[in-house]
C-alpha atoms as a PDB file:
ATOM      1  CA  MET A   1      -1.737 -15.941  -9.962  1.00  0.00           C
ATOM      2  CA  THR A   2      -5.319 -14.937  -9.157  1.00  0.00           C
ATOM      3  CA  ILE A   3      -5.958 -11.470  -7.718  1.00  0.00           C
ATOM      4  CA  ARG A   4      -8.538 -11.721  -4.918  1.00  0.00           C
ATOM      5  CA  VAL A   5     -10.657  -8.628  -4.604  1.00  0.00           C
ATOM      6  CA  LEU A   6     -12.879  -7.472  -1.777  1.00  0.00           C
ATOM      7  CA  LEU A   7     -15.671  -5.094  -2.751  1.00  0.00           C
ATOM      8  CA  ALA A   8     -16.670  -2.489  -0.118  1.00  0.00           C
ATOM      9  CA  ASP A   9     -19.559  -0.203  -1.131  1.00  0.00           C
ATOM     10  CA  ASP A  10     -22.913   0.505   0.502  1.00  0.00           C
ATOM     11  CA  GLN A  11     -24.704   0.516  -2.872  1.00  0.00           C
ATOM     12  CA  PRO A  12     -25.689  -3.043  -3.870  1.00  0.00           C
ATOM     13  CA  LEU A  13     -25.911  -2.045  -7.559  1.00  0.00           C
ATOM     14  CA  ILE A  14     -22.268  -0.907  -7.589  1.00  0.00           C
ATOM     15  CA  ARG A  15     -21.120  -4.096  -5.903  1.00  0.00           C
ATOM     16  CA  ALA A  16     -23.175  -6.219  -8.293  1.00  0.00           C
ATOM     17  CA  GLY A  17     -21.638  -4.495 -11.320  1.00  0.00           C
ATOM     18  CA  LEU A  18     -18.107  -4.871 -10.038  1.00  0.00           C
ATOM     19  CA  ARG A  19     -18.802  -8.491  -9.042  1.00  0.00           C
ATOM     20  CA  VAL A  20     -19.861  -9.362 -12.586  1.00  0.00           C
ATOM     21  CA  LEU A  21     -16.954  -7.439 -14.088  1.00  0.00           C
ATOM     22  CA  ILE A  22     -14.352  -9.196 -11.922  1.00  0.00           C
ATOM     23  CA  ALA A  23     -15.957 -12.622 -12.309  1.00  0.00           C
ATOM     24  CA  ASP A  24     -15.696 -12.265 -16.091  1.00  0.00           C
ATOM     25  CA  THR A  25     -11.993 -11.219 -15.894  1.00  0.00           C
ATOM     26  CA  PRO A  26      -9.379 -14.027 -16.106  1.00  0.00           C
ATOM     27  CA  GLY A  27      -6.989 -13.860 -13.147  1.00  0.00           C
ATOM     28  CA  MET A  28      -9.373 -12.173 -10.784  1.00  0.00           C
ATOM     29  CA  GLU A  29     -11.975 -13.290  -8.286  1.00  0.00           C
ATOM     30  CA  VAL A  30     -14.221 -11.674  -5.701  1.00  0.00           C
ATOM     31  CA  ALA A  31     -13.098 -12.593  -2.145  1.00  0.00           C
ATOM     32  CA  GLY A  32     -16.092 -10.995  -0.513  1.00  0.00           C
ATOM     33  CA  GLU A  33     -18.405  -8.015  -0.237  1.00  0.00           C
ATOM     34  CA  ALA A  34     -18.939  -5.392   2.474  1.00  0.00           C
ATOM     35  CA  ALA A  35     -21.620  -2.756   2.814  1.00  0.00           C
ATOM     36  CA  THR A  36     -19.893  -0.803   5.585  1.00  0.00           C
ATOM     37  CA  GLY A  37     -16.336   0.218   6.520  1.00  0.00           C
ATOM     38  CA  ALA A  38     -16.438  -1.899   9.673  1.00  0.00           C
ATOM     39  CA  GLU A  39     -17.527  -4.927   7.693  1.00  0.00           C
ATOM     40  CA  ALA A  40     -14.675  -4.301   5.205  1.00  0.00           C
ATOM     41  CA  VAL A  41     -12.102  -4.295   8.017  1.00  0.00           C
ATOM     42  CA  ARG A  42     -13.512  -7.524   9.403  1.00  0.00           C
ATOM     43  CA  LEU A  43     -13.603  -9.280   6.019  1.00  0.00           C
ATOM     44  CA  VAL A  44     -10.039  -8.269   5.214  1.00  0.00           C
ATOM     45  CA  ALA A  45      -8.912 -10.066   8.350  1.00  0.00           C
ATOM     46  CA  GLU A  46     -11.100 -13.109   7.524  1.00  0.00           C
ATOM     47  CA  THR A  47     -10.499 -13.465   3.764  1.00  0.00           C
ATOM     48  CA  ALA A  48      -7.012 -11.892   3.223  1.00  0.00           C
ATOM     49  CA  PRO A  49      -7.765 -10.309  -0.165  1.00  0.00           C
ATOM     50  CA  ASP A  50      -5.061  -8.838  -2.342  1.00  0.00           C
ATOM     51  CA  VAL A  51      -6.993  -5.680  -3.149  1.00  0.00           C
ATOM     52  CA  VAL A  52      -9.941  -3.882  -1.540  1.00  0.00           C
ATOM     53  CA  VAL A  53     -12.000  -1.674  -3.822  1.00  0.00           C
ATOM     54  CA  MET A  54     -13.294   0.796  -1.249  1.00  0.00           C
ATOM     55  CA  ASP A  55     -16.033   3.454  -1.326  1.00  0.00           C
ATOM     56  CA  ILE A  56     -15.548   6.500   0.889  1.00  0.00           C
ATOM     57  CA  ARG A  57     -18.993   7.377   2.039  1.00  0.00           C
ATOM     58  CA  MET A  58     -20.410   4.375   3.868  1.00  0.00           C
ATOM     59  CA  PRO A  59     -22.483   3.916   7.055  1.00  0.00           C
ATOM     60  CA  ASP A  60     -21.001   2.787  10.363  1.00  0.00           C
ATOM     61  CA  MET A  61     -17.423   3.591   9.357  1.00  0.00           C
ATOM     62  CA  ASP A  62     -16.302   5.510   6.322  1.00  0.00           C
ATOM     63  CA  GLY A  63     -13.822   4.219   3.804  1.00  0.00           C
ATOM     64  CA  ILE A  64     -10.986   6.470   5.015  1.00  0.00           C
ATOM     65  CA  GLU A  65     -11.126   5.133   8.534  1.00  0.00           C
ATOM     66  CA  ALA A  66     -11.511   1.582   7.247  1.00  0.00           C
ATOM     67  CA  THR A  67      -8.417   2.093   5.065  1.00  0.00           C
ATOM     68  CA  ARG A  68      -6.476   3.446   8.044  1.00  0.00           C
ATOM     69  CA  ARG A  69      -7.324   0.351  10.138  1.00  0.00           C
ATOM     70  CA  ILE A  70      -6.498  -2.036   7.297  1.00  0.00           C
ATOM     71  CA  SER A  71      -3.182  -0.325   6.678  1.00  0.00           C
ATOM     72  CA  ARG A  72      -2.224  -0.620  10.289  1.00  0.00           C
ATOM     73  CA  ALA A  73      -1.872  -4.341   9.844  1.00  0.00           C
ATOM     74  CA  GLY A  74       1.499  -3.637   8.251  1.00  0.00           C
ATOM     75  CA  PRO A  75       3.320  -5.331   5.343  1.00  0.00           C
ATOM     76  CA  GLY A  76       1.406  -8.033   3.586  1.00  0.00           C
ATOM     77  CA  THR A  77      -2.031  -6.568   4.173  1.00  0.00           C
ATOM     78  CA  ALA A  78      -4.446  -5.823   1.347  1.00  0.00           C
ATOM     79  CA  HIS A  79      -3.817  -2.854  -0.936  1.00  0.00           C
ATOM     80  CA  VAL A  80      -6.767  -0.442  -0.878  1.00  0.00           C
ATOM     81  CA  LEU A  81      -8.063   1.157  -4.072  1.00  0.00           C
ATOM     82  CA  MET A  82     -10.516   3.930  -3.461  1.00  0.00           C
ATOM     83  CA  LEU A  83     -13.406   4.144  -5.906  1.00  0.00           C
ATOM     84  CA  THR A  84     -15.776   7.014  -5.356  1.00  0.00           C
ATOM     85  CA  THR A  85     -17.777   9.680  -7.150  1.00  0.00           C
ATOM     86  CA  PHE A  86     -16.236  12.775  -8.744  1.00  0.00           C
ATOM     87  CA  ASP A  87     -17.797  15.032  -6.057  1.00  0.00           C
ATOM     88  CA  ASP A  88     -15.722  13.166  -3.436  1.00  0.00           C
ATOM     89  CA  ASP A  89     -12.418  14.370  -4.806  1.00  0.00           C
ATOM     90  CA  ASP A  90     -11.873  16.412  -1.627  1.00  0.00           C
ATOM     91  CA  TYR A  91     -11.222  13.154   0.192  1.00  0.00           C
ATOM     92  CA  VAL A  92      -8.252  12.086  -1.973  1.00  0.00           C
ATOM     93  CA  TYR A  93      -5.604  13.469   0.387  1.00  0.00           C
ATOM     94  CA  GLY A  94      -7.128  11.816   3.458  1.00  0.00           C
ATOM     95  CA  SER A  95      -7.473   8.542   1.598  1.00  0.00           C
ATOM     96  CA  LEU A  96      -3.802   8.469   0.554  1.00  0.00           C
ATOM     97  CA  ARG A  97      -2.635   9.569   4.021  1.00  0.00           C
ATOM     98  CA  ALA A  98      -4.672   6.697   5.440  1.00  0.00           C
ATOM     99  CA  GLY A  99      -2.754   4.261   3.302  1.00  0.00           C
ATOM    100  CA  ALA A 100      -4.777   3.880   0.103  1.00  0.00           C
ATOM    101  CA  ALA A 101      -2.648   2.810  -2.890  1.00  0.00           C
ATOM    102  CA  GLY A 102      -4.945   4.377  -5.406  1.00  0.00           C
ATOM    103  CA  PHE A 103      -7.835   6.719  -5.967  1.00  0.00           C
ATOM    104  CA  LEU A 104     -10.352   6.333  -8.834  1.00  0.00           C
ATOM    105  CA  VAL A 105     -13.714   7.867  -9.720  1.00  0.00           C
ATOM    106  CA  LYS A 106     -16.715   5.829 -10.625  1.00  0.00           C
ATOM    107  CA  ASP A 107     -17.180   7.324 -14.062  1.00  0.00           C
ATOM    108  CA  MET A 108     -13.955   5.732 -15.302  1.00  0.00           C
ATOM    109  CA  ALA A 109     -14.087   3.064 -17.958  1.00  0.00           C
ATOM    110  CA  LEU A 110     -14.397  -0.494 -16.682  1.00  0.00           C
ATOM    111  CA  GLU A 111     -11.184  -1.479 -18.354  1.00  0.00           C
ATOM    112  CA  GLU A 112      -9.385   1.294 -16.477  1.00  0.00           C
ATOM    113  CA  ILE A 113     -10.770   0.029 -13.127  1.00  0.00           C
ATOM    114  CA  LEU A 114      -9.548  -3.473 -13.907  1.00  0.00           C
ATOM    115  CA  ALA A 115      -6.110  -2.124 -14.916  1.00  0.00           C
ATOM    116  CA  ALA A 116      -5.987  -0.140 -11.639  1.00  0.00           C
ATOM    117  CA  ILE A 117      -6.736  -3.254  -9.650  1.00  0.00           C
ATOM    118  CA  ARG A 118      -3.799  -4.990 -11.330  1.00  0.00           C
ATOM    119  CA  VAL A 119      -1.503  -2.025 -10.696  1.00  0.00           C
ATOM    120  CA  VAL A 120      -2.164  -1.792  -6.942  1.00  0.00           C
ATOM    121  CA  ALA A 121      -2.107  -5.594  -6.586  1.00  0.00           C
ATOM    122  CA  GLY A 122       1.449  -5.405  -7.929  1.00  0.00           C
ATOM    123  CA  GLY A 123       2.448  -2.956  -5.221  1.00  0.00           C
ATOM    124  CA  ASP A 124       2.341   0.185  -7.308  1.00  0.00           C
ATOM    125  CA  ALA A 125       0.150   3.294  -6.904  1.00  0.00           C
ATOM    126  CA  LEU A 126      -2.315   4.978  -9.145  1.00  0.00           C
ATOM    127  CA  ILE A 127      -4.414   8.178  -9.062  1.00  0.00           C
ATOM    128  CA  ALA A 128      -7.099   8.995 -11.579  1.00  0.00           C
ATOM    129  CA  PRO A 129      -5.942  11.851 -13.850  1.00  0.00           C
ATOM    130  CA  SER A 130      -9.171  13.771 -13.134  1.00  0.00           C
ATOM    131  CA  VAL A 131      -8.330  14.082  -9.430  1.00  0.00           C
ATOM    132  CA  THR A 132      -4.527  14.645  -9.679  1.00  0.00           C
ATOM    133  CA  ARG A 133      -4.993  18.460 -10.031  1.00  0.00           C
ATOM    134  CA  ARG A 134      -7.175  18.494  -6.918  1.00  0.00           C
ATOM    135  CA  LEU A 135      -4.406  16.715  -5.030  1.00  0.00           C
ATOM    136  CA  ILE A 136      -1.818  19.296  -6.110  1.00  0.00           C
ATOM    137  CA  GLU A 137      -4.211  22.115  -5.177  1.00  0.00           C
ATOM    138  CA  GLU A 138      -4.564  20.577  -1.735  1.00  0.00           C
ATOM    139  CA  PHE A 139      -0.771  20.778  -1.275  1.00  0.00           C
ATOM    140  CA  ALA A 140      -0.711  24.320  -2.690  1.00  0.00           C
ATOM    141  CA  ALA A 141      -3.332  25.492  -0.183  1.00  0.00           C
ATOM    142  CA  ARG A 142      -1.250  24.384   2.796  1.00  0.00           C
ATOM    143  CA  PRO A 143       0.858  27.171   4.307  1.00  0.00           C
ATOM    144  CA  GLU A 144       3.640  24.823   5.446  1.00  0.00           C
ATOM    145  CA  PRO A 145       6.191  23.663   4.595  1.00  0.00           C
ATOM    146  CA  ALA A 146       7.219  26.308   2.115  1.00  0.00           C
ATOM    147  CA  ALA A 147       9.695  25.586  -0.631  1.00  0.00           C
ATOM    148  CA  GLY A 148      13.204  26.392   0.446  1.00  0.00           C
ATOM    149  CA  ARG A 149      12.585  25.351   4.012  1.00  0.00           C
ATOM    150  CA  ALA A 150      13.036  21.644   3.571  1.00  0.00           C
ATOM    151  CA  ARG A 151      13.169  19.869   6.907  1.00  0.00           C
ATOM    152  CA  HIS A 152      15.821  17.394   7.940  1.00  0.00           C
ATOM    153  CA  VAL A 153      14.724  13.750   8.166  1.00  0.00           C
ATOM    154  CA  GLU A 154      16.629  11.656  10.690  1.00  0.00           C
ATOM    155  CA  GLY A 155      18.404   8.706   9.121  1.00  0.00           C
ATOM    156  CA  VAL A 156      17.865   9.753   5.468  1.00  0.00           C
ATOM    157  CA  THR A 157      21.112  10.318   3.565  1.00  0.00           C
ATOM    158  CA  GLU A 158      21.692  13.237   1.202  1.00  0.00           C
ATOM    159  CA  ARG A 159      21.471  10.901  -1.799  1.00  0.00           C
ATOM    160  CA  GLU A 160      18.161   9.509  -0.479  1.00  0.00           C
ATOM    161  CA  ARG A 161      16.882  13.075  -0.104  1.00  0.00           C
ATOM    162  CA  GLU A 162      17.744  13.616  -3.753  1.00  0.00           C
ATOM    163  CA  VAL A 163      15.845  10.475  -4.737  1.00  0.00           C
ATOM    164  CA  LEU A 164      12.840  11.477  -2.576  1.00  0.00           C
ATOM    165  CA  THR A 165      12.788  14.879  -4.292  1.00  0.00           C
ATOM    166  CA  LEU A 166      12.693  13.215  -7.701  1.00  0.00           C
ATOM    167  CA  VAL A 167       9.984  10.781  -6.592  1.00  0.00           C
ATOM    168  CA  GLY A 168       8.072  13.820  -5.426  1.00  0.00           C
ATOM    169  CA  ARG A 169       8.367  15.302  -8.886  1.00  0.00           C
ATOM    170  CA  GLY A 170       6.804  12.128 -10.334  1.00  0.00           C
ATOM    171  CA  LEU A 171       9.912  10.567 -11.835  1.00  0.00           C
ATOM    172  CA  SER A 172      10.059   6.806 -12.380  1.00  0.00           C
ATOM    173  CA  ASN A 173      13.015   4.689 -11.221  1.00  0.00           C
ATOM    174  CA  GLN A 174      14.391   4.768 -14.784  1.00  0.00           C
ATOM    175  CA  GLU A 175      14.132   8.552 -14.902  1.00  0.00           C
ATOM    176  CA  ILE A 176      15.739   8.887 -11.451  1.00  0.00           C
ATOM    177  CA  ALA A 177      18.643   6.748 -12.581  1.00  0.00           C
ATOM    178  CA  ALA A 178      19.149   8.925 -15.636  1.00  0.00           C
ATOM    179  CA  GLU A 179      18.853  12.134 -13.622  1.00  0.00           C
ATOM    180  CA  LEU A 180      21.405  11.021 -10.943  1.00  0.00           C
ATOM    181  CA  VAL A 181      23.634   9.043 -13.349  1.00  0.00           C
ATOM    182  CA  ILE A 182      23.155   5.784 -11.431  1.00  0.00           C
ATOM    183  CA  SER A 183      21.898   2.347 -12.349  1.00  0.00           C
ATOM    184  CA  VAL A 184      18.159   1.559 -12.244  1.00  0.00           C
ATOM    185  CA  ALA A 185      18.939  -1.122  -9.651  1.00  0.00           C
ATOM    186  CA  THR A 186      20.588   1.520  -7.439  1.00  0.00           C
ATOM    187  CA  ALA A 187      17.631   3.829  -7.874  1.00  0.00           C
ATOM    188  CA  LYS A 188      15.291   1.003  -6.849  1.00  0.00           C
ATOM    189  CA  ALA A 189      17.424   0.292  -3.789  1.00  0.00           C
ATOM    190  CA  HIS A 190      17.284   3.926  -2.688  1.00  0.00           C
ATOM    191  CA  VAL A 191      13.482   3.970  -3.113  1.00  0.00           C
ATOM    192  CA  ALA A 192      13.175   0.703  -1.132  1.00  0.00           C
ATOM    193  CA  ARG A 193      15.237   2.203   1.751  1.00  0.00           C
ATOM    194  CA  LEU A 194      12.997   5.323   1.724  1.00  0.00           C
ATOM    195  CA  PHE A 195       9.937   3.042   2.090  1.00  0.00           C
ATOM    196  CA  ALA A 196      11.541   1.476   5.139  1.00  0.00           C
ATOM    197  CA  LYS A 197      12.933   4.636   6.739  1.00  0.00           C
ATOM    198  CA  LEU A 198       9.807   6.765   6.157  1.00  0.00           C
ATOM    199  CA  GLY A 199       7.227   4.124   6.801  1.00  0.00           C
ATOM    200  CA  ALA A 200       5.650   4.578   3.365  1.00  0.00           C
ATOM    201  CA  ARG A 201       3.698   1.818   1.656  1.00  0.00           C
ATOM    202  CA  ASP A 202       4.035   3.061  -1.904  1.00  0.00           C
ATOM    203  CA  ARG A 203       5.270   5.851  -4.119  1.00  0.00           C
ATOM    204  CA  VAL A 204       2.092   7.930  -3.579  1.00  0.00           C
ATOM    205  CA  GLN A 205       2.964   8.246   0.137  1.00  0.00           C
ATOM    206  CA  LEU A 206       6.566   9.091  -0.784  1.00  0.00           C
ATOM    207  CA  VAL A 207       5.232  11.934  -2.948  1.00  0.00           C
ATOM    208  CA  ILE A 208       3.115  13.200  -0.070  1.00  0.00           C
ATOM    209  CA  ILE A 209       6.121  13.091   2.276  1.00  0.00           C
ATOM    210  CA  ALA A 210       8.258  14.972  -0.262  1.00  0.00           C
ATOM    211  CA  TYR A 211       5.688  17.749  -0.413  1.00  0.00           C
ATOM    212  CA  GLU A 212       5.247  17.824   3.379  1.00  0.00           C
ATOM    213  CA  LEU A 213       9.017  18.065   3.927  1.00  0.00           C
ATOM    214  CA  GLY A 214       9.276  20.971   1.501  1.00  0.00           C
ATOM    215  CA  LEU A 215      11.448  19.040  -0.974  1.00  0.00           C
ATOM    216  CA  VAL A 216       9.028  19.725  -3.767  1.00  0.00           C
ATOM    217  CA  ALA A 217       6.931  22.867  -4.271  1.00  0.00           C
ATOM    218  CA  PRO A 218       3.450  22.564  -5.687  1.00  0.00           C
ATOM    219  CA  PRO A 219       3.123  24.282  -9.041  1.00  0.00           C
ATOM    220  CA  THR A 220       1.496  27.709  -9.080  1.00  0.00           C
ATOM    221  CA  GLY A 221      -0.062  29.633 -11.880  1.00  0.00           C
ATOM    222  CA  GLY A 222       0.033  28.322 -15.378  1.00  0.00           C
ATOM    223  CA  SER A 223      -2.746  26.751 -17.470  1.00  0.00           C
ATOM    224  CA  THR A 224      -5.809  25.388 -15.674  1.00  0.00           C
ATOM    225  CA  THR A 225      -6.918  23.287 -18.646  1.00  0.00           C
END
């Protein structure tokens, strides 16, 4: 099955490099190219790609707003993979809240970018290791909700809250199953119900929700290396 990729970046050189990279990769093809966020939104509707590799800073409409509009199309729409410069790490939280399934920086190896495209095309989420700490710091800087004041979520069972807490801690379905002494299939079923009940597209958004509900506390102190 071929993964169809839409490239959205206002720098022609970046698009050209990605175009050649994807064209030379078996199982992938370029569905189209956009130089602005508005053009990306239009081309997603016209070409129905599997993945959009999206820059953040673009004229006319930035990548975060474009991602938000693409995500509003609901299930079956393209998965957005943000690809931006290291200095744009401050935008990671806004990107993920807008519905992005991944966040990468442009200095990553080409093989890692291709692997990330495959990951998000399969419905999973991915964040570049170099920006993960910035994401945690973003949560830590927020005064609410504080740990120990976890809010109630209507319709979410106690077991599902336990699963959401473990997802927020970064555990996989296999690790959740071992922690709660349930089968992997049952863990997957709980996660799937959380997607539906909380309106989350992927595990990244579940992690964000777990932090915002106070189910998981951002780490404080410790090593900064």
